[in-house]
Amino acid sequence: MALLLGGVVLAAAAAGGADPPPANDGASPPKAEAPAARLDQFGDPLPPGAVARLGTVRFRAGMWPKHLAAAPDGAKVVTVGHNLSLTEYLTVWDVATGRSLRHVPLPDVQVQRLVWLPGGRGFAVVKVSRIDYAVWEFTDEKAPPPTTQNRSEMNSTGNGSFMASAISPDGRLVAGGERSGQQGNEGKIQVWDLALNGRVREMTPRWERDTAGGFIGLEFTPDGKSLIGITQRREPNRPGNAAPGKPFPVVSGPAANVINVAVWGRRHW
């Protein structure tokens, strides 16, 4: 009996001296670190679940690349392309490695021209409606890309739609060569002060002139003192052969093979 009682006392003493279990303060247990993403042979991350990549994501401008411009120092290029979604993407690439440095979706708008100026600033002329455009400085990462308020007009063209555009080397002017004329086969050139990250047609044109042909090219000279326009004249429509008692059909005139080049000096604007 004494031995049994002593054992109980010793056991109780031992139990009383043990550390109490840690209190549950409500904190969540530490989370396990996520496994590192798999990389392809060039060191680019793979999609979740993928084990390898055929090809590379470098210099992939989309299924349909539309525009390309190189930085003045040759270290970067910028492209615009789109995939089956028809959403355009602007991507700035590192020339040495092909890595994407910046990737910007441009839903519901269309880039008409890309320009990288000698000083390093990059501009995009972006269609935001059937006849209106915005100039976006894509090298300024704080400048939001343009948007449209009328998506249904983005795939339509007509008189007033740019067929070509240009930005002066100093970034102060934007020029547009648009469709005009009764049949839409003539042209008009206009020059505006550049409203940075704003709408082109919110400004009053500094200068404009009608042309006999529609524009297929427009560019400022490197010194900014002249503007070169390339137009293509289309033959007028003509009446076709009509069946007895039927009205004469209108046959569209084919595009002429003659290309016209005009040079306008800075004195015009």
Protein backbone atom coordinates (compact mmCIF):
# COMPACT_ATOMS: atom_id res chain seq x y z
CA MET A 1 0.00 0.00 0.00
CA ALA A 2 2.84 2.47 0.86
CA LEU A 3 4.63 1.64 -2.38
CA LEU A 4 1.47 2.14 -4.43
CA LEU A 5 0.70 5.46 -2.71
CA GLY A 6 4.27 6.66 -3.29
CA GLY A 7 4.02 5.78 -6.97
CA VAL A 8 0.82 7.81 -7.30
CA VAL A 9 2.45 10.81 -5.60
CA LEU A 10 5.52 10.62 -7.86
CA ALA A 11 3.37 10.33 -10.95
CA ALA A 12 1.30 13.33 -9.91
CA ALA A 13 4.41 15.35 -9.26
CA ALA A 14 5.84 14.44 -12.64
CA ALA A 15 2.58 15.38 -14.35
CA GLY A 16 2.47 18.72 -12.54
CA GLY A 17 5.98 19.65 -13.68
CA ALA A 18 5.33 18.99 -17.41
CA ASP A 19 4.96 21.94 -19.81
CA PRO A 20 1.29 22.66 -20.69
CA PRO A 21 0.21 22.19 -24.29
CA PRO A 22 0.54 25.37 -26.42
CA ALA A 23 -2.57 27.51 -26.43
CA ASN A 24 -4.46 27.89 -29.75
CA ASP A 25 -4.41 31.63 -30.42
CA GLY A 26 -6.49 31.31 -33.58
CA ALA A 27 -3.58 31.85 -36.01
CA SER A 28 -3.59 29.78 -39.19
CA PRO A 29 -0.85 27.21 -39.57
CA PRO A 30 1.97 28.34 -41.85
CA LYS A 31 1.24 27.61 -45.50
CA ALA A 32 3.53 25.43 -47.48
CA GLU A 33 5.49 27.29 -50.13
CA ALA A 34 4.12 26.89 -53.66
CA PRO A 35 6.34 24.84 -55.93
CA ALA A 36 8.46 26.88 -58.29
CA ALA A 37 7.02 27.28 -61.80
CA ARG A 38 8.49 25.02 -64.43
CA LEU A 39 10.67 26.74 -67.02
CA ASP A 40 11.22 25.97 -70.65
CA GLN A 41 14.63 25.56 -72.24
CA PHE A 42 15.04 29.34 -72.53
CA GLY A 43 14.13 30.01 -68.91
CA ASP A 44 10.58 31.28 -69.51
CA PRO A 45 7.72 30.05 -67.25
CA LEU A 46 5.49 27.27 -68.53
CA PRO A 47 1.69 27.28 -68.11
CA PRO A 48 0.35 25.36 -65.07
CA GLY A 49 0.54 21.63 -65.63
CA ALA A 50 2.87 21.86 -68.63
CA VAL A 51 6.17 19.96 -68.59
CA ALA A 52 7.77 21.30 -71.79
CA ARG A 53 7.25 23.80 -74.61
CA LEU A 54 7.68 23.26 -78.34
CA GLY A 55 9.16 26.49 -79.65
CA THR A 56 9.41 29.71 -77.66
CA VAL A 57 7.34 32.68 -76.51
CA ARG A 58 10.12 35.11 -77.40
CA PHE A 59 9.41 37.49 -80.28
CA ARG A 60 5.89 36.05 -80.57
CA ALA A 61 3.85 39.05 -81.67
CA GLY A 62 0.64 37.08 -82.25
CA MET A 63 -0.76 35.09 -85.14
CA TRP A 64 -1.05 38.22 -87.30
CA PRO A 65 1.69 40.81 -86.68
CA LYS A 66 0.59 44.21 -88.05
CA HIS A 67 3.20 46.80 -87.12
CA LEU A 68 6.84 46.91 -86.06
CA ALA A 69 9.15 49.77 -85.08
CA ALA A 70 12.69 49.79 -83.72
CA ALA A 71 14.00 52.02 -80.94
CA PRO A 72 16.64 54.54 -82.03
CA ASP A 73 19.41 52.69 -80.14
CA GLY A 74 18.39 49.33 -81.60
CA ALA A 75 18.03 47.75 -78.15
CA LYS A 76 14.22 47.35 -78.33
CA VAL A 77 11.50 46.78 -80.88
CA VAL A 78 7.78 47.26 -80.50
CA THR A 79 5.17 45.19 -82.31
CA VAL A 80 1.40 45.13 -82.62
CA GLY A 81 -0.40 41.93 -83.50
CA HIS A 82 -3.56 40.02 -82.73
CA ASN A 83 -4.81 36.46 -82.35
CA LEU A 84 -8.14 34.77 -83.02
CA SER A 85 -9.77 36.97 -80.37
CA LEU A 86 -9.07 39.97 -82.69
CA THR A 87 -7.86 41.92 -79.65
CA GLU A 88 -4.65 43.72 -80.57
CA TYR A 89 -1.59 43.57 -78.31
CA LEU A 90 1.31 45.98 -78.14
CA THR A 91 4.55 44.34 -77.00
CA VAL A 92 7.97 45.86 -76.37
CA TRP A 93 10.79 43.37 -76.86
CA ASP A 94 14.42 43.21 -75.77
CA VAL A 95 16.35 42.72 -79.01
CA ALA A 96 19.28 40.87 -77.42
CA THR A 97 17.18 38.18 -75.70
CA GLY A 98 13.76 38.32 -77.34
CA ARG A 99 12.11 38.67 -73.93
CA SER A 100 8.89 40.64 -73.61
CA LEU A 101 9.51 43.82 -71.59
CA ARG A 102 5.95 45.15 -71.75
CA HIS A 103 2.71 43.60 -73.01
CA VAL A 104 -0.45 45.72 -73.29
CA PRO A 105 -3.84 44.42 -74.54
CA LEU A 106 -5.73 46.94 -76.68
CA PRO A 107 -9.35 45.72 -76.73
CA ASP A 108 -11.79 47.23 -79.25
CA VAL A 109 -9.30 49.67 -80.82
CA GLN A 110 -6.92 49.38 -83.79
CA VAL A 111 -3.38 50.68 -84.13
CA GLN A 112 -2.94 52.53 -87.42
CA ARG A 113 0.74 53.51 -87.05
CA LEU A 114 3.72 52.93 -84.74
CA VAL A 115 6.57 55.46 -84.49
CA TRP A 116 9.68 55.51 -82.31
CA LEU A 117 11.14 59.02 -82.37
CA PRO A 118 14.89 59.83 -82.35
CA GLY A 119 14.75 60.98 -78.72
CA GLY A 120 13.44 57.61 -77.55
CA ARG A 121 9.73 58.43 -77.17
CA GLY A 122 7.32 56.02 -78.85
CA PHE A 123 3.88 56.90 -80.22
CA ALA A 124 0.98 54.93 -81.64
CA VAL A 125 -1.79 56.40 -83.79
CA VAL A 126 -4.85 54.45 -82.64
CA LYS A 127 -8.25 54.27 -84.32
CA VAL A 128 -11.00 54.86 -81.74
CA SER A 129 -14.00 55.34 -84.07
CA ARG A 130 -14.75 55.23 -87.78
CA ILE A 131 -13.06 58.59 -88.42
CA ASP A 132 -11.35 59.57 -85.16
CA TYR A 133 -7.94 58.69 -83.83
CA ALA A 134 -5.90 59.15 -80.68
CA VAL A 135 -2.13 59.48 -80.22
CA TRP A 136 -0.83 57.31 -77.36
CA GLU A 137 2.71 57.54 -75.96
CA PHE A 138 3.32 53.84 -75.37
CA THR A 139 6.77 54.44 -73.84
CA ASP A 140 5.07 56.24 -70.94
CA GLU A 141 3.85 53.36 -68.79
CA LYS A 142 1.64 55.74 -66.79
CA ALA A 143 -0.31 56.78 -69.90
CA PRO A 144 -3.41 54.58 -70.29
CA PRO A 145 -4.06 53.18 -73.77
CA PRO A 146 -6.93 54.73 -75.76
CA THR A 147 -10.42 53.25 -75.59
CA THR A 148 -13.49 53.43 -77.83
CA GLN A 149 -17.07 54.27 -76.99
CA ASN A 150 -18.49 52.78 -80.18
CA ARG A 151 -17.17 49.28 -80.78
CA SER A 152 -19.44 48.72 -83.78
CA GLU A 153 -17.55 51.35 -85.82
CA MET A 154 -14.11 49.83 -85.44
CA ASN A 155 -14.30 47.60 -88.53
CA SER A 156 -15.89 50.24 -90.76
CA THR A 157 -14.09 52.69 -93.03
CA GLY A 158 -15.24 55.56 -95.17
CA ASN A 159 -14.56 59.16 -95.98
CA GLY A 160 -12.50 60.54 -93.09
CA SER A 161 -10.85 57.21 -92.24
CA PHE A 162 -7.04 57.32 -92.21
CA MET A 163 -5.34 55.29 -94.90
CA ALA A 164 -1.94 56.52 -93.70
CA SER A 165 -0.58 58.67 -90.88
CA ALA A 166 2.70 60.13 -89.65
CA ILE A 167 4.19 61.88 -86.63
CA SER A 168 6.88 64.54 -86.93
CA PRO A 169 10.35 63.70 -85.55
CA ASP A 170 10.00 66.30 -82.78
CA GLY A 171 6.66 64.80 -81.66
CA ARG A 172 4.76 68.06 -82.17
CA LEU A 173 2.65 67.26 -85.24
CA VAL A 174 0.48 64.41 -86.51
CA ALA A 175 -0.58 64.06 -90.14
CA GLY A 176 -3.37 61.95 -91.57
CA GLY A 177 -4.02 60.89 -95.15
CA GLU A 178 -7.71 60.05 -95.32
CA ARG A 179 -10.30 58.87 -97.80
CA SER A 180 -12.51 61.47 -99.47
CA GLY A 181 -14.52 62.11 -102.61
CA GLN A 182 -17.90 60.98 -103.84
CA GLN A 183 -16.70 57.44 -104.44
CA GLY A 184 -14.19 57.41 -101.60
CA ASN A 185 -11.37 57.04 -104.12
CA GLU A 186 -9.82 60.47 -103.59
CA GLY A 187 -7.72 61.69 -100.71
CA LYS A 188 -7.22 64.51 -98.24
CA ILE A 189 -4.16 65.29 -96.17
CA GLN A 190 -4.41 67.16 -92.87
CA VAL A 191 -1.85 68.23 -90.27
CA TRP A 192 -2.70 68.85 -86.61
CA ASP A 193 -0.86 69.83 -83.46
CA LEU A 194 -0.29 66.59 -81.58
CA ALA A 195 -2.58 66.30 -78.55
CA LEU A 196 -0.66 63.81 -76.45
CA ASN A 197 -2.88 60.93 -75.32
CA GLY A 198 -5.85 62.87 -76.75
CA ARG A 199 -8.13 62.73 -79.79
CA VAL A 200 -6.74 64.00 -83.07
CA ARG A 201 -9.97 65.62 -84.29
CA GLU A 202 -10.44 67.59 -81.10
CA MET A 203 -7.81 69.91 -82.59
CA THR A 204 -8.32 72.29 -85.54
CA PRO A 205 -6.17 71.29 -88.55
CA ARG A 206 -3.19 73.54 -89.17
CA TRP A 207 -3.30 72.71 -92.87
CA GLU A 208 -5.20 70.48 -95.30
CA ARG A 209 -5.24 69.71 -98.99
CA ASP A 210 -7.27 67.49 -101.31
CA THR A 211 -5.49 64.96 -103.54
CA ALA A 212 -6.62 63.18 -106.69
CA GLY A 213 -5.77 59.74 -105.33
CA GLY A 214 -6.15 57.87 -102.09
CA PHE A 215 -3.22 57.67 -99.67
CA ILE A 216 -1.13 54.54 -99.37
CA GLY A 217 1.84 56.12 -97.56
CA LEU A 218 2.73 59.21 -95.51
CA GLU A 219 5.97 60.18 -93.78
CA PHE A 220 7.84 63.19 -92.45
CA THR A 221 11.44 63.61 -93.56
CA PRO A 222 14.04 63.00 -90.79
CA ASP A 223 14.57 66.76 -90.33
CA GLY A 224 10.82 67.35 -90.05
CA LYS A 225 10.90 70.04 -92.74
CA SER A 226 8.88 68.16 -95.36
CA LEU A 227 6.00 65.72 -95.55
CA ILE A 228 5.97 63.05 -98.25
CA GLY A 229 2.67 61.58 -99.41
CA ILE A 230 2.16 58.60 -101.72
CA THR A 231 -1.22 58.26 -103.41
CA GLN A 232 -2.77 55.84 -105.86
CA ARG A 233 -5.39 57.07 -108.28
CA ARG A 234 -8.40 54.98 -109.07
CA GLU A 235 -10.29 55.20 -112.35
CA PRO A 236 -13.85 56.49 -112.03
CA ASN A 237 -16.85 54.19 -112.08
CA ARG A 238 -18.50 53.60 -115.47
CA PRO A 239 -21.83 52.23 -116.64
CA GLY A 240 -21.85 48.58 -117.60
CA ASN A 241 -23.89 46.65 -120.13
CA ALA A 242 -27.60 46.51 -119.39
CA ALA A 243 -30.23 44.03 -120.48
CA PRO A 244 -33.19 45.44 -122.46
CA GLY A 245 -35.46 47.40 -120.16
CA LYS A 246 -33.03 47.20 -117.26
CA PRO A 247 -31.01 50.05 -115.73
CA PHE A 248 -27.33 50.27 -116.50
CA PRO A 249 -25.22 48.67 -113.74
CA VAL A 250 -22.34 50.61 -112.24
CA VAL A 251 -18.93 49.02 -112.75
CA SER A 252 -16.27 50.09 -110.26
CA GLY A 253 -13.19 51.53 -111.87
CA PRO A 254 -10.04 49.49 -111.26
CA ALA A 255 -7.12 50.90 -109.34
CA ALA A 256 -4.62 52.56 -111.61
CA ASN A 257 -1.03 51.39 -111.76
CA VAL A 258 0.30 54.95 -111.55
CA ILE A 259 1.63 55.96 -108.14
CA ASN A 260 1.90 59.66 -107.35
CA VAL A 261 4.45 61.05 -104.90
CA ALA A 262 4.07 64.58 -103.51
CA VAL A 263 6.30 66.58 -101.16
CA TRP A 264 4.94 69.42 -99.06
CA GLY A 265 7.28 71.82 -97.26
CA ARG A 266 6.89 73.06 -93.71
CA ARG A 267 5.79 76.48 -94.96
CA HIS A 268 2.36 74.95 -95.59
CA TRP A 269 1.69 74.35 -91.92
